[in-house]
PDB file of all heavy atoms in Angstrom:
ATOM      1  N   GLY A   1     -12.117 -12.343 -15.595  1.00  0.00           N
ATOM      2  CA  GLY A   1     -13.518 -12.529 -15.972  1.00  0.00           C
ATOM      3  C   GLY A   1     -13.707 -12.006 -17.340  1.00  0.00           C
ATOM      4  O   GLY A   1     -12.992 -12.378 -18.279  1.00  0.00           O
ATOM      5  N   ALA A   2     -14.676 -11.122 -17.531  1.00  0.00           N
ATOM      6  CA  ALA A   2     -14.981 -10.536 -18.886  1.00  0.00           C
ATOM      7  C   ALA A   2     -14.241  -9.235 -19.118  1.00  0.00           C
ATOM      8  O   ALA A   2     -14.384  -8.652 -20.218  1.00  0.00           O
ATOM      9  CB  ALA A   2     -16.502 -10.283 -19.020  1.00  0.00           C
ATOM     10  N   ALA A   3     -13.459  -8.761 -18.119  1.00  0.00           N
ATOM     11  CA  ALA A   3     -12.777  -7.475 -18.263  1.00  0.00           C
ATOM     12  C   ALA A   3     -11.301  -7.667 -18.782  1.00  0.00           C
ATOM     13  O   ALA A   3     -10.648  -8.670 -18.393  1.00  0.00           O
ATOM     14  CB  ALA A   3     -12.795  -6.694 -17.005  1.00  0.00           C
ATOM     15  N   VAL A   4     -10.810  -6.740 -19.447  1.00  0.00           N
ATOM     16  CA  VAL A   4      -9.415  -6.729 -19.850  1.00  0.00           C
ATOM     17  C   VAL A   4      -8.797  -5.423 -19.313  1.00  0.00           C
ATOM     18  O   VAL A   4      -9.355  -4.345 -19.559  1.00  0.00           O
ATOM     19  CB  VAL A   4      -9.276  -6.783 -21.377  1.00  0.00           C
ATOM     20  CG1 VAL A   4      -7.789  -6.798 -21.793  1.00  0.00           C
ATOM     21  CG2 VAL A   4      -9.957  -8.024 -22.000  1.00  0.00           C
ATOM     22  N   ILE A   5      -7.694  -5.559 -18.607  1.00  0.00           N
ATOM     23  CA  ILE A   5      -7.086  -4.392 -18.051  1.00  0.00           C
ATOM     24  C   ILE A   5      -5.611  -4.329 -18.372  1.00  0.00           C
ATOM     25  O   ILE A   5      -4.989  -5.306 -18.754  1.00  0.00           O
ATOM     26  CB  ILE A   5      -7.250  -4.328 -16.528  1.00  0.00           C
ATOM     27  CG1 ILE A   5      -6.449  -5.537 -15.840  1.00  0.00           C
ATOM     28  CG2 ILE A   5      -8.744  -4.454 -16.101  1.00  0.00           C
ATOM     29  CD1 ILE A   5      -6.379  -5.439 -14.307  1.00  0.00           C
ATOM     30  N   ARG A   6      -5.007  -3.117 -18.343  1.00  0.00           N
ATOM     31  CA  ARG A   6      -3.556  -3.001 -18.515  1.00  0.00           C
ATOM     32  C   ARG A   6      -2.986  -2.563 -17.204  1.00  0.00           C
ATOM     33  O   ARG A   6      -3.376  -1.591 -16.588  1.00  0.00           O
ATOM     34  CB  ARG A   6      -3.286  -1.900 -19.614  1.00  0.00           C
ATOM     35  CG  ARG A   6      -1.815  -1.703 -19.907  1.00  0.00           C
ATOM     36  CD  ARG A   6      -1.561  -0.663 -20.861  1.00  0.00           C
ATOM     37  NE  ARG A   6      -1.934   0.655 -20.238  1.00  0.00           N
ATOM     38  CZ  ARG A   6      -2.409   1.736 -20.927  1.00  0.00           C
ATOM     39  NH1 ARG A   6      -2.616   1.618 -22.256  1.00  0.00           N
ATOM     40  NH2 ARG A   6      -2.677   2.849 -20.300  1.00  0.00           N
ATOM     41  N   VAL A   7      -1.907  -3.241 -16.747  1.00  0.00           N
ATOM     42  CA  VAL A   7      -1.240  -2.905 -15.463  1.00  0.00           C
ATOM     43  C   VAL A   7      -0.208  -1.797 -15.796  1.00  0.00           C
ATOM     44  O   VAL A   7       0.753  -2.047 -16.606  1.00  0.00           O
ATOM     45  CB  VAL A   7      -0.575  -4.117 -14.855  1.00  0.00           C
ATOM     46  CG1 VAL A   7       0.135  -3.685 -13.567  1.00  0.00           C
ATOM     47  CG2 VAL A   7      -1.637  -5.199 -14.597  1.00  0.00           C
ATOM     48  N   ASP A   8      -0.409  -0.584 -15.270  1.00  0.00           N
ATOM     49  CA  ASP A   8       0.333   0.542 -15.709  1.00  0.00           C
ATOM     50  C   ASP A   8       1.608   0.816 -14.872  1.00  0.00           C
ATOM     51  O   ASP A   8       2.644   1.131 -15.457  1.00  0.00           O
ATOM     52  CB  ASP A   8      -0.546   1.808 -15.617  1.00  0.00           C
ATOM     53  CG  ASP A   8      -1.639   1.702 -16.674  1.00  0.00           C
ATOM     54  OD1 ASP A   8      -1.375   1.252 -17.839  1.00  0.00           O
ATOM     55  OD2 ASP A   8      -2.798   2.129 -16.385  1.00  0.00           O
ATOM     56  N   ARG A   9       1.490   0.701 -13.554  1.00  0.00           N
ATOM     57  CA  ARG A   9       2.596   1.067 -12.760  1.00  0.00           C
ATOM     58  C   ARG A   9       2.437   0.638 -11.282  1.00  0.00           C
ATOM     59  O   ARG A   9       1.331   0.325 -10.864  1.00  0.00           O
ATOM     60  CB  ARG A   9       2.909   2.583 -12.776  1.00  0.00           C
ATOM     61  CG  ARG A   9       1.866   3.424 -12.158  1.00  0.00           C
ATOM     62  CD  ARG A   9       2.227   4.898 -12.423  1.00  0.00           C
ATOM     63  NE  ARG A   9       1.234   5.822 -11.903  1.00  0.00           N
ATOM     64  CZ  ARG A   9       1.229   6.362 -10.625  1.00  0.00           C
ATOM     65  NH1 ARG A   9       2.079   5.844  -9.738  1.00  0.00           N
ATOM     66  NH2 ARG A   9       0.304   7.196 -10.294  1.00  0.00           N
ATOM     67  N   PRO A  10       3.528   0.492 -10.521  1.00  0.00           N
ATOM     68  CA  PRO A  10       3.440   0.198  -9.077  1.00  0.00           C
ATOM     69  C   PRO A  10       2.681   1.245  -8.347  1.00  0.00           C
ATOM     70  O   PRO A  10       2.625   2.425  -8.751  1.00  0.00           O
ATOM     71  CB  PRO A  10       4.881   0.094  -8.631  1.00  0.00           C
ATOM     72  CG  PRO A  10       5.683  -0.040  -9.889  1.00  0.00           C
ATOM     73  CD  PRO A  10       4.921   0.632 -10.964  1.00  0.00           C
ATOM     74  N   ASP A  11       2.032   0.817  -7.243  1.00  0.00           N
ATOM     75  CA  ASP A  11       1.308   1.710  -6.383  1.00  0.00           C
ATOM     76  C   ASP A  11       2.198   2.248  -5.268  1.00  0.00           C
ATOM     77  O   ASP A  11       2.593   1.507  -4.347  1.00  0.00           O
ATOM     78  CB  ASP A  11       0.109   0.930  -5.815  1.00  0.00           C
ATOM     79  CG  ASP A  11      -0.828   1.773  -4.972  1.00  0.00           C
ATOM     80  OD1 ASP A  11      -0.438   2.960  -4.593  1.00  0.00           O
ATOM     81  OD2 ASP A  11      -1.939   1.318  -4.694  1.00  0.00           O
ATOM     82  N   ARG A  12       2.590   3.507  -5.363  1.00  0.00           N
ATOM     83  CA  ARG A  12       3.450   4.093  -4.319  1.00  0.00           C
ATOM     84  C   ARG A  12       2.597   4.444  -3.120  1.00  0.00           C
ATOM     85  O   ARG A  12       1.608   5.156  -3.235  1.00  0.00           O
ATOM     86  CB  ARG A  12       4.176   5.281  -4.849  1.00  0.00           C
ATOM     87  CG  ARG A  12       5.234   5.881  -3.838  1.00  0.00           C
ATOM     88  CD  ARG A  12       6.073   6.972  -4.502  1.00  0.00           C
ATOM     89  NE  ARG A  12       7.095   7.460  -3.536  1.00  0.00           N
ATOM     90  CZ  ARG A  12       8.220   6.799  -3.229  1.00  0.00           C
ATOM     91  NH1 ARG A  12       8.524   5.706  -3.889  1.00  0.00           N
ATOM     92  NH2 ARG A  12       9.093   7.319  -2.417  1.00  0.00           N
ATOM     93  N   ARG A  13       3.006   3.939  -1.979  1.00  0.00           N
ATOM     94  CA  ARG A  13       2.149   4.085  -0.787  1.00  0.00           C
ATOM     95  C   ARG A  13       2.494   5.285   0.108  1.00  0.00           C
ATOM     96  O   ARG A  13       3.589   5.853  -0.022  1.00  0.00           O
ATOM     97  CB  ARG A  13       2.390   2.783   0.060  1.00  0.00           C
ATOM     98  CG  ARG A  13       1.803   1.558  -0.661  1.00  0.00           C
ATOM     99  CD  ARG A  13       0.352   1.659  -0.905  1.00  0.00           C
ATOM    100  NE  ARG A  13      -0.195   0.426  -1.546  1.00  0.00           N
ATOM    101  CZ  ARG A  13      -1.440   0.156  -1.647  1.00  0.00           C
ATOM    102  NH1 ARG A  13      -2.330   0.989  -1.031  1.00  0.00           N
ATOM    103  NH2 ARG A  13      -1.932  -0.931  -2.271  1.00  0.00           N
ATOM    104  N   CYS A  14       1.531   5.706   0.932  1.00  0.00           N
ATOM    105  CA  CYS A  14       1.678   6.820   1.789  1.00  0.00           C
ATOM    106  C   CYS A  14       1.190   6.425   3.215  1.00  0.00           C
ATOM    107  O   CYS A  14       0.894   5.299   3.510  1.00  0.00           O
ATOM    108  CB  CYS A  14       0.928   8.026   1.283  1.00  0.00           C
ATOM    109  SG  CYS A  14      -0.862   7.713   1.178  1.00  0.00           S
ATOM    110  N   ALA A  15       1.057   7.465   4.020  1.00  0.00           N
ATOM    111  CA  ALA A  15       0.638   7.212   5.486  1.00  0.00           C
ATOM    112  C   ALA A  15      -0.718   6.644   5.633  1.00  0.00           C
ATOM    113  O   ALA A  15      -1.040   6.073   6.676  1.00  0.00           O
ATOM    114  CB  ALA A  15       0.748   8.504   6.229  1.00  0.00           C
ATOM    115  N   VAL A  16      -1.564   6.653   4.617  1.00  0.00           N
ATOM    116  CA  VAL A  16      -2.918   6.106   4.716  1.00  0.00           C
ATOM    117  C   VAL A  16      -2.844   4.615   5.139  1.00  0.00           C
ATOM    118  O   VAL A  16      -3.717   4.151   5.815  1.00  0.00           O
ATOM    119  CB  VAL A  16      -3.685   6.278   3.354  1.00  0.00           C
ATOM    120  CG1 VAL A  16      -4.875   5.339   3.268  1.00  0.00           C
ATOM    121  CG2 VAL A  16      -4.057   7.744   3.215  1.00  0.00           C
ATOM    122  N   VAL A  17      -1.862   3.852   4.632  1.00  0.00           N
ATOM    123  CA  VAL A  17      -1.788   2.463   4.943  1.00  0.00           C
ATOM    124  C   VAL A  17      -1.527   2.167   6.423  1.00  0.00           C
ATOM    125  O   VAL A  17      -1.759   1.059   6.928  1.00  0.00           O
ATOM    126  CB  VAL A  17      -0.660   1.708   4.144  1.00  0.00           C
ATOM    127  CG1 VAL A  17      -0.938   1.869   2.635  1.00  0.00           C
ATOM    128  CG2 VAL A  17       0.653   2.242   4.441  1.00  0.00           C
ATOM    129  N   GLY A  18      -1.153   3.169   7.156  1.00  0.00           N
ATOM    130  CA  GLY A  18      -0.943   3.028   8.590  1.00  0.00           C
ATOM    131  C   GLY A  18      -2.234   3.022   9.422  1.00  0.00           C
ATOM    132  O   GLY A  18      -2.204   2.752  10.635  1.00  0.00           O
ATOM    133  N   VAL A  19      -3.334   3.367   8.828  1.00  0.00           N
ATOM    134  CA  VAL A  19      -4.593   3.460   9.498  1.00  0.00           C
ATOM    135  C   VAL A  19      -5.289   2.116   9.609  1.00  0.00           C
ATOM    136  O   VAL A  19      -5.591   1.501   8.525  1.00  0.00           O
ATOM    137  CB  VAL A  19      -5.571   4.494   8.852  1.00  0.00           C
ATOM    138  CG1 VAL A  19      -6.899   4.553   9.623  1.00  0.00           C
ATOM    139  CG2 VAL A  19      -4.868   5.830   8.860  1.00  0.00           C
ATOM    140  N   ASP A  20      -5.517   1.573  10.763  1.00  0.00           N
ATOM    141  CA  ASP A  20      -6.215   0.328  10.951  1.00  0.00           C
ATOM    142  C   ASP A  20      -7.641   0.400  10.497  1.00  0.00           C
ATOM    143  O   ASP A  20      -8.374   1.342  11.009  1.00  0.00           O
ATOM    144  CB  ASP A  20      -6.130  -0.078  12.463  1.00  0.00           C
ATOM    145  CG  ASP A  20      -6.621  -1.529  12.658  1.00  0.00           C
ATOM    146  OD1 ASP A  20      -7.838  -1.747  12.383  1.00  0.00           O
ATOM    147  OD2 ASP A  20      -5.900  -2.307  13.130  1.00  0.00           O
ATOM    148  N   PRO A  21      -8.112  -0.426   9.629  1.00  0.00           N
ATOM    149  CA  PRO A  21      -9.523  -0.294   9.077  1.00  0.00           C
ATOM    150  C   PRO A  21     -10.570  -0.595  10.044  1.00  0.00           C
ATOM    151  O   PRO A  21     -11.727  -0.326   9.869  1.00  0.00           O
ATOM    152  CB  PRO A  21      -9.495  -1.235   7.908  1.00  0.00           C
ATOM    153  CG  PRO A  21      -8.463  -2.241   8.173  1.00  0.00           C
ATOM    154  CD  PRO A  21      -7.397  -1.527   8.971  1.00  0.00           C
ATOM    155  N   VAL A  22     -10.183  -1.239  11.176  1.00  0.00           N
ATOM    156  CA  VAL A  22     -11.218  -1.663  12.195  1.00  0.00           C
ATOM    157  C   VAL A  22     -11.250  -0.605  13.350  1.00  0.00           C
ATOM    158  O   VAL A  22     -12.264  -0.213  13.823  1.00  0.00           O
ATOM    159  CB  VAL A  22     -10.894  -3.027  12.730  1.00  0.00           C
ATOM    160  CG1 VAL A  22     -11.870  -3.354  13.847  1.00  0.00           C
ATOM    161  CG2 VAL A  22     -10.999  -4.087  11.605  1.00  0.00           C
ATOM    162  N   THR A  23     -10.051  -0.165  13.801  1.00  0.00           N
ATOM    163  CA  THR A  23      -9.968   0.691  14.975  1.00  0.00           C
ATOM    164  C   THR A  23      -9.674   2.174  14.659  1.00  0.00           C
ATOM    165  O   THR A  23      -9.834   3.063  15.450  1.00  0.00           O
ATOM    166  CB  THR A  23      -8.907   0.199  15.893  1.00  0.00           C
ATOM    167  OG1 THR A  23      -7.558   0.405  15.293  1.00  0.00           O
ATOM    168  CG2 THR A  23      -9.060  -1.222  16.273  1.00  0.00           C
ATOM    169  N   ALA A  24      -9.210   2.447  13.459  1.00  0.00           N
ATOM    170  CA  ALA A  24      -8.729   3.770  12.960  1.00  0.00           C
ATOM    171  C   ALA A  24      -7.465   4.218  13.698  1.00  0.00           C
ATOM    172  O   ALA A  24      -7.071   5.325  13.530  1.00  0.00           O
ATOM    173  CB  ALA A  24      -9.857   4.822  13.120  1.00  0.00           C
ATOM    174  N   ARG A  25      -6.867   3.351  14.421  1.00  0.00           N
ATOM    175  CA  ARG A  25      -5.585   3.736  15.021  1.00  0.00           C
ATOM    176  C   ARG A  25      -4.439   3.757  14.028  1.00  0.00           C
ATOM    177  O   ARG A  25      -4.432   2.924  13.097  1.00  0.00           O
ATOM    178  CB  ARG A  25      -5.203   2.755  16.122  1.00  0.00           C
ATOM    179  CG  ARG A  25      -6.142   2.736  17.347  1.00  0.00           C
ATOM    180  CD  ARG A  25      -5.576   1.935  18.523  1.00  0.00           C
ATOM    181  NE  ARG A  25      -6.486   1.836  19.641  1.00  0.00           N
ATOM    182  CZ  ARG A  25      -7.269   0.780  19.821  1.00  0.00           C
ATOM    183  NH1 ARG A  25      -7.180  -0.219  19.001  1.00  0.00           N
ATOM    184  NH2 ARG A  25      -8.117   0.732  20.818  1.00  0.00           N
ATOM    185  N   ARG A  26      -3.481   4.629  14.202  1.00  0.00           N
ATOM    186  CA  ARG A  26      -2.337   4.739  13.286  1.00  0.00           C
ATOM    187  C   ARG A  26      -1.206   3.788  13.725  1.00  0.00           C
ATOM    188  O   ARG A  26      -0.907   3.656  14.880  1.00  0.00           O
ATOM    189  CB  ARG A  26      -1.798   6.173  13.267  1.00  0.00           C
ATOM    190  CG  ARG A  26      -2.786   7.229  12.725  1.00  0.00           C
ATOM    191  CD  ARG A  26      -2.030   8.543  12.628  1.00  0.00           C
ATOM    192  NE  ARG A  26      -2.909   9.676  12.302  1.00  0.00           N
ATOM    193  CZ  ARG A  26      -3.178  10.137  11.058  1.00  0.00           C
ATOM    194  NH1 ARG A  26      -2.617   9.479  10.084  1.00  0.00           N
ATOM    195  NH2 ARG A  26      -3.993  11.171  10.892  1.00  0.00           N
ATOM    196  N   ASP A  27      -0.609   3.198  12.740  1.00  0.00           N
ATOM    197  CA  ASP A  27       0.591   2.408  12.944  1.00  0.00           C
ATOM    198  C   ASP A  27       1.639   2.755  11.862  1.00  0.00           C
ATOM    199  O   ASP A  27       1.583   2.184  10.793  1.00  0.00           O
ATOM    200  CB  ASP A  27       0.249   0.902  12.876  1.00  0.00           C
ATOM    201  CG  ASP A  27       1.440   0.005  13.095  1.00  0.00           C
ATOM    202  OD1 ASP A  27       2.561   0.570  13.348  1.00  0.00           O
ATOM    203  OD2 ASP A  27       1.312  -1.168  12.925  1.00  0.00           O
ATOM    204  N   PRO A  28       2.523   3.691  12.169  1.00  0.00           N
ATOM    205  CA  PRO A  28       3.490   4.103  11.150  1.00  0.00           C
ATOM    206  C   PRO A  28       4.490   2.992  10.758  1.00  0.00           C
ATOM    207  O   PRO A  28       5.179   3.089   9.758  1.00  0.00           O
ATOM    208  CB  PRO A  28       4.244   5.303  11.894  1.00  0.00           C
ATOM    209  CG  PRO A  28       3.930   5.085  13.337  1.00  0.00           C
ATOM    210  CD  PRO A  28       2.628   4.449  13.420  1.00  0.00           C
ATOM    211  N   GLY A  29       4.517   1.956  11.587  1.00  0.00           N
ATOM    212  CA  GLY A  29       5.421   0.851  11.276  1.00  0.00           C
ATOM    213  C   GLY A  29       4.997   0.193   9.986  1.00  0.00           C
ATOM    214  O   GLY A  29       5.937  -0.410   9.322  1.00  0.00           O
ATOM    215  N   VAL A  30       3.779   0.204   9.559  1.00  0.00           N
ATOM    216  CA  VAL A  30       3.367  -0.419   8.248  1.00  0.00           C
ATOM    217  C   VAL A  30       4.070   0.251   7.125  1.00  0.00           C
ATOM    218  O   VAL A  30       4.665  -0.496   6.274  1.00  0.00           O
ATOM    219  CB  VAL A  30       1.847  -0.391   8.145  1.00  0.00           C
ATOM    220  CG1 VAL A  30       1.516  -0.925   6.752  1.00  0.00           C
ATOM    221  CG2 VAL A  30       1.118  -1.099   9.201  1.00  0.00           C
ATOM    222  N   LEU A  31       4.102   1.504   7.006  1.00  0.00           N
ATOM    223  CA  LEU A  31       4.768   2.209   5.883  1.00  0.00           C
ATOM    224  C   LEU A  31       6.277   1.981   5.968  1.00  0.00           C
ATOM    225  O   LEU A  31       6.906   1.887   4.984  1.00  0.00           O
ATOM    226  CB  LEU A  31       4.387   3.693   5.989  1.00  0.00           C
ATOM    227  CG  LEU A  31       4.863   4.488   4.723  1.00  0.00           C
ATOM    228  CD1 LEU A  31       4.208   3.951   3.448  1.00  0.00           C
ATOM    229  CD2 LEU A  31       4.502   5.984   4.880  1.00  0.00           C
ATOM    230  N   ARG A  32       6.774   1.982   7.194  1.00  0.00           N
ATOM    231  CA  ARG A  32       8.237   1.749   7.310  1.00  0.00           C
ATOM    232  C   ARG A  32       8.597   0.337   6.778  1.00  0.00           C
ATOM    233  O   ARG A  32       9.669   0.196   6.143  1.00  0.00           O
ATOM    234  CB  ARG A  32       8.712   1.926   8.732  1.00  0.00           C
ATOM    235  CG  ARG A  32       8.733   3.344   9.225  1.00  0.00           C
ATOM    236  CD  ARG A  32       9.569   3.496  10.463  1.00  0.00           C
ATOM    237  NE  ARG A  32       8.935   2.785  11.618  1.00  0.00           N
ATOM    238  CZ  ARG A  32       8.124   3.416  12.494  1.00  0.00           C
ATOM    239  NH1 ARG A  32       7.800   4.698  12.381  1.00  0.00           N
ATOM    240  NH2 ARG A  32       7.641   2.733  13.544  1.00  0.00           N
ATOM    241  N   ARG A  33       7.778  -0.658   7.013  1.00  0.00           N
ATOM    242  CA  ARG A  33       8.049  -1.938   6.510  1.00  0.00           C
ATOM    243  C   ARG A  33       7.943  -1.991   5.014  1.00  0.00           C
ATOM    244  O   ARG A  33       8.745  -2.676   4.359  1.00  0.00           O
ATOM    245  CB  ARG A  33       7.080  -2.999   7.101  1.00  0.00           C
ATOM    246  CG  ARG A  33       7.392  -3.255   8.657  1.00  0.00           C
ATOM    247  CD  ARG A  33       6.662  -4.514   9.118  1.00  0.00           C
ATOM    248  NE  ARG A  33       5.212  -4.451   9.043  1.00  0.00           N
ATOM    249  CZ  ARG A  33       4.499  -3.900  10.048  1.00  0.00           C
ATOM    250  NH1 ARG A  33       5.030  -3.392  11.093  1.00  0.00           N
ATOM    251  NH2 ARG A  33       3.196  -3.857   9.931  1.00  0.00           N
ATOM    252  N   ILE A  34       6.984  -1.302   4.496  1.00  0.00           N
ATOM    253  CA  ILE A  34       6.880  -1.277   2.941  1.00  0.00           C
ATOM    254  C   ILE A  34       8.184  -0.605   2.389  1.00  0.00           C
ATOM    255  O   ILE A  34       8.698  -1.081   1.388  1.00  0.00           O
ATOM    256  CB  ILE A  34       5.629  -0.526   2.540  1.00  0.00           C
ATOM    257  CG1 ILE A  34       4.348  -1.227   2.970  1.00  0.00           C
ATOM    258  CG2 ILE A  34       5.622  -0.256   1.046  1.00  0.00           C
ATOM    259  CD1 ILE A  34       3.082  -0.539   2.726  1.00  0.00           C
ATOM    260  N   ALA A  35       8.618   0.490   2.996  1.00  0.00           N
ATOM    261  CA  ALA A  35       9.827   1.140   2.540  1.00  0.00           C
ATOM    262  C   ALA A  35      11.017   0.200   2.634  1.00  0.00           C
ATOM    263  O   ALA A  35      11.855   0.129   1.704  1.00  0.00           O
ATOM    264  CB  ALA A  35      10.020   2.415   3.362  1.00  0.00           C
ATOM    265  N   ARG A  36      11.118  -0.572   3.697  1.00  0.00           N
ATOM    266  CA  ARG A  36      12.269  -1.427   3.926  1.00  0.00           C
ATOM    267  C   ARG A  36      12.221  -2.659   2.986  1.00  0.00           C
ATOM    268  O   ARG A  36      13.295  -3.017   2.442  1.00  0.00           O
ATOM    269  CB  ARG A  36      12.315  -1.835   5.372  1.00  0.00           C
ATOM    270  CG  ARG A  36      13.576  -2.764   5.714  1.00  0.00           C
ATOM    271  CD  ARG A  36      13.547  -3.132   7.183  1.00  0.00           C
ATOM    272  NE  ARG A  36      12.436  -3.998   7.484  1.00  0.00           N
ATOM    273  CZ  ARG A  36      11.441  -3.684   8.352  1.00  0.00           C
ATOM    274  NH1 ARG A  36      11.460  -2.460   8.976  1.00  0.00           N
ATOM    275  NH2 ARG A  36      10.496  -4.535   8.676  1.00  0.00           N
ATOM    276  N   GLU A  37      11.032  -3.222   2.857  1.00  0.00           N
ATOM    277  CA  GLU A  37      10.935  -4.478   2.126  1.00  0.00           C
ATOM    278  C   GLU A  37      10.736  -4.333   0.597  1.00  0.00           C
ATOM    279  O   GLU A  37      11.035  -5.217  -0.170  1.00  0.00           O
ATOM    280  CB  GLU A  37       9.817  -5.368   2.716  1.00  0.00           C
ATOM    281  CG  GLU A  37       9.925  -5.638   4.185  1.00  0.00           C
ATOM    282  CD  GLU A  37      11.154  -6.617   4.505  1.00  0.00           C
ATOM    283  OE1 GLU A  37      11.543  -7.307   3.530  1.00  0.00           O
ATOM    284  OE2 GLU A  37      11.646  -6.548   5.596  1.00  0.00           O
ATOM    285  N   HIS A  38      10.137  -3.093   0.245  1.00  0.00           N
ATOM    286  CA  HIS A  38       9.752  -3.062  -1.203  1.00  0.00           C
ATOM    287  C   HIS A  38       9.818  -1.651  -1.726  1.00  0.00           C
ATOM    288  O   HIS A  38       9.106  -1.331  -2.638  1.00  0.00           O
ATOM    289  CB  HIS A  38       8.366  -3.610  -1.356  1.00  0.00           C
ATOM    290  CG  HIS A  38       8.106  -4.196  -2.705  1.00  0.00           C
ATOM    291  ND1 HIS A  38       7.124  -3.661  -3.527  1.00  0.00           N
ATOM    292  CD2 HIS A  38       8.734  -5.131  -3.388  1.00  0.00           C
ATOM    293  CE1 HIS A  38       7.109  -4.320  -4.681  1.00  0.00           C
ATOM    294  NE2 HIS A  38       8.068  -5.237  -4.642  1.00  0.00           N
ATOM    295  N   GLY A  39      10.673  -0.804  -1.169  1.00  0.00           N
ATOM    296  CA  GLY A  39      10.957   0.530  -1.813  1.00  0.00           C
ATOM    297  C   GLY A  39       9.733   1.462  -1.902  1.00  0.00           C
ATOM    298  O   GLY A  39       9.590   2.210  -2.868  1.00  0.00           O
ATOM    299  N   MET A  40       8.837   1.402  -0.899  1.00  0.00           N
ATOM    300  CA  MET A  40       7.651   2.261  -0.815  1.00  0.00           C
ATOM    301  C   MET A  40       6.453   1.940  -1.760  1.00  0.00           C
ATOM    302  O   MET A  40       5.425   2.591  -1.728  1.00  0.00           O
ATOM    303  CB  MET A  40       8.038   3.728  -1.052  1.00  0.00           C
ATOM    304  CG  MET A  40       8.921   4.295   0.074  1.00  0.00           C
ATOM    305  SD  MET A  40       8.073   4.414   1.643  1.00  0.00           S
ATOM    306  CE  MET A  40       6.833   5.703   1.365  1.00  0.00           C
ATOM    307  N   THR A  41       6.535   0.902  -2.590  1.00  0.00           N
ATOM    308  CA  THR A  41       5.467   0.514  -3.407  1.00  0.00           C
ATOM    309  C   THR A  41       4.911  -0.813  -2.949  1.00  0.00           C
ATOM    310  O   THR A  41       5.597  -1.676  -2.449  1.00  0.00           O
ATOM    311  CB  THR A  41       5.857   0.431  -4.868  1.00  0.00           C
ATOM    312  OG1 THR A  41       6.711  -0.670  -5.085  1.00  0.00           O
ATOM    313  CG2 THR A  41       6.463   1.714  -5.373  1.00  0.00           C
ATOM    314  N   LEU A  42       3.581  -1.051  -3.235  1.00  0.00           N
ATOM    315  CA  LEU A  42       2.934  -2.267  -2.870  1.00  0.00           C
ATOM    316  C   LEU A  42       1.686  -2.359  -3.638  1.00  0.00           C
ATOM    317  O   LEU A  42       0.825  -1.475  -3.620  1.00  0.00           O
ATOM    318  CB  LEU A  42       2.599  -2.357  -1.355  1.00  0.00           C
ATOM    319  CG  LEU A  42       2.289  -3.782  -0.897  1.00  0.00           C
ATOM    320  CD1 LEU A  42       3.563  -4.617  -0.805  1.00  0.00           C
ATOM    321  CD2 LEU A  42       1.614  -3.729   0.479  1.00  0.00           C
ATOM    322  N   GLY A  43       1.554  -3.383  -4.485  1.00  0.00           N
ATOM    323  CA  GLY A  43       0.426  -3.495  -5.418  1.00  0.00           C
ATOM    324  C   GLY A  43       0.670  -2.685  -6.672  1.00  0.00           C
ATOM    325  O   GLY A  43       1.756  -2.078  -6.900  1.00  0.00           O
ATOM    326  N   VAL A  44      -0.380  -2.663  -7.523  1.00  0.00           N
ATOM    327  CA  VAL A  44      -0.218  -1.930  -8.777  1.00  0.00           C
ATOM    328  C   VAL A  44      -1.510  -1.203  -9.152  1.00  0.00           C
ATOM    329  O   VAL A  44      -2.574  -1.532  -8.688  1.00  0.00           O
ATOM    330  CB  VAL A  44       0.124  -2.956  -9.938  1.00  0.00           C
ATOM    331  CG1 VAL A  44       1.514  -3.518  -9.788  1.00  0.00           C
ATOM    332  CG2 VAL A  44      -0.915  -4.096 -10.033  1.00  0.00           C
TER     333      VAL A  44
END
């Protein structure tokens, strides 16, 4: 759009991603999959 941004670094993930945004239930498998598929980072 009208904004200019600089992409600085990958986003290293933590246990927060395991919390379901609808139910608040924890799923530790989400973080494990990020670790396995992408070395603990996802997004920037």
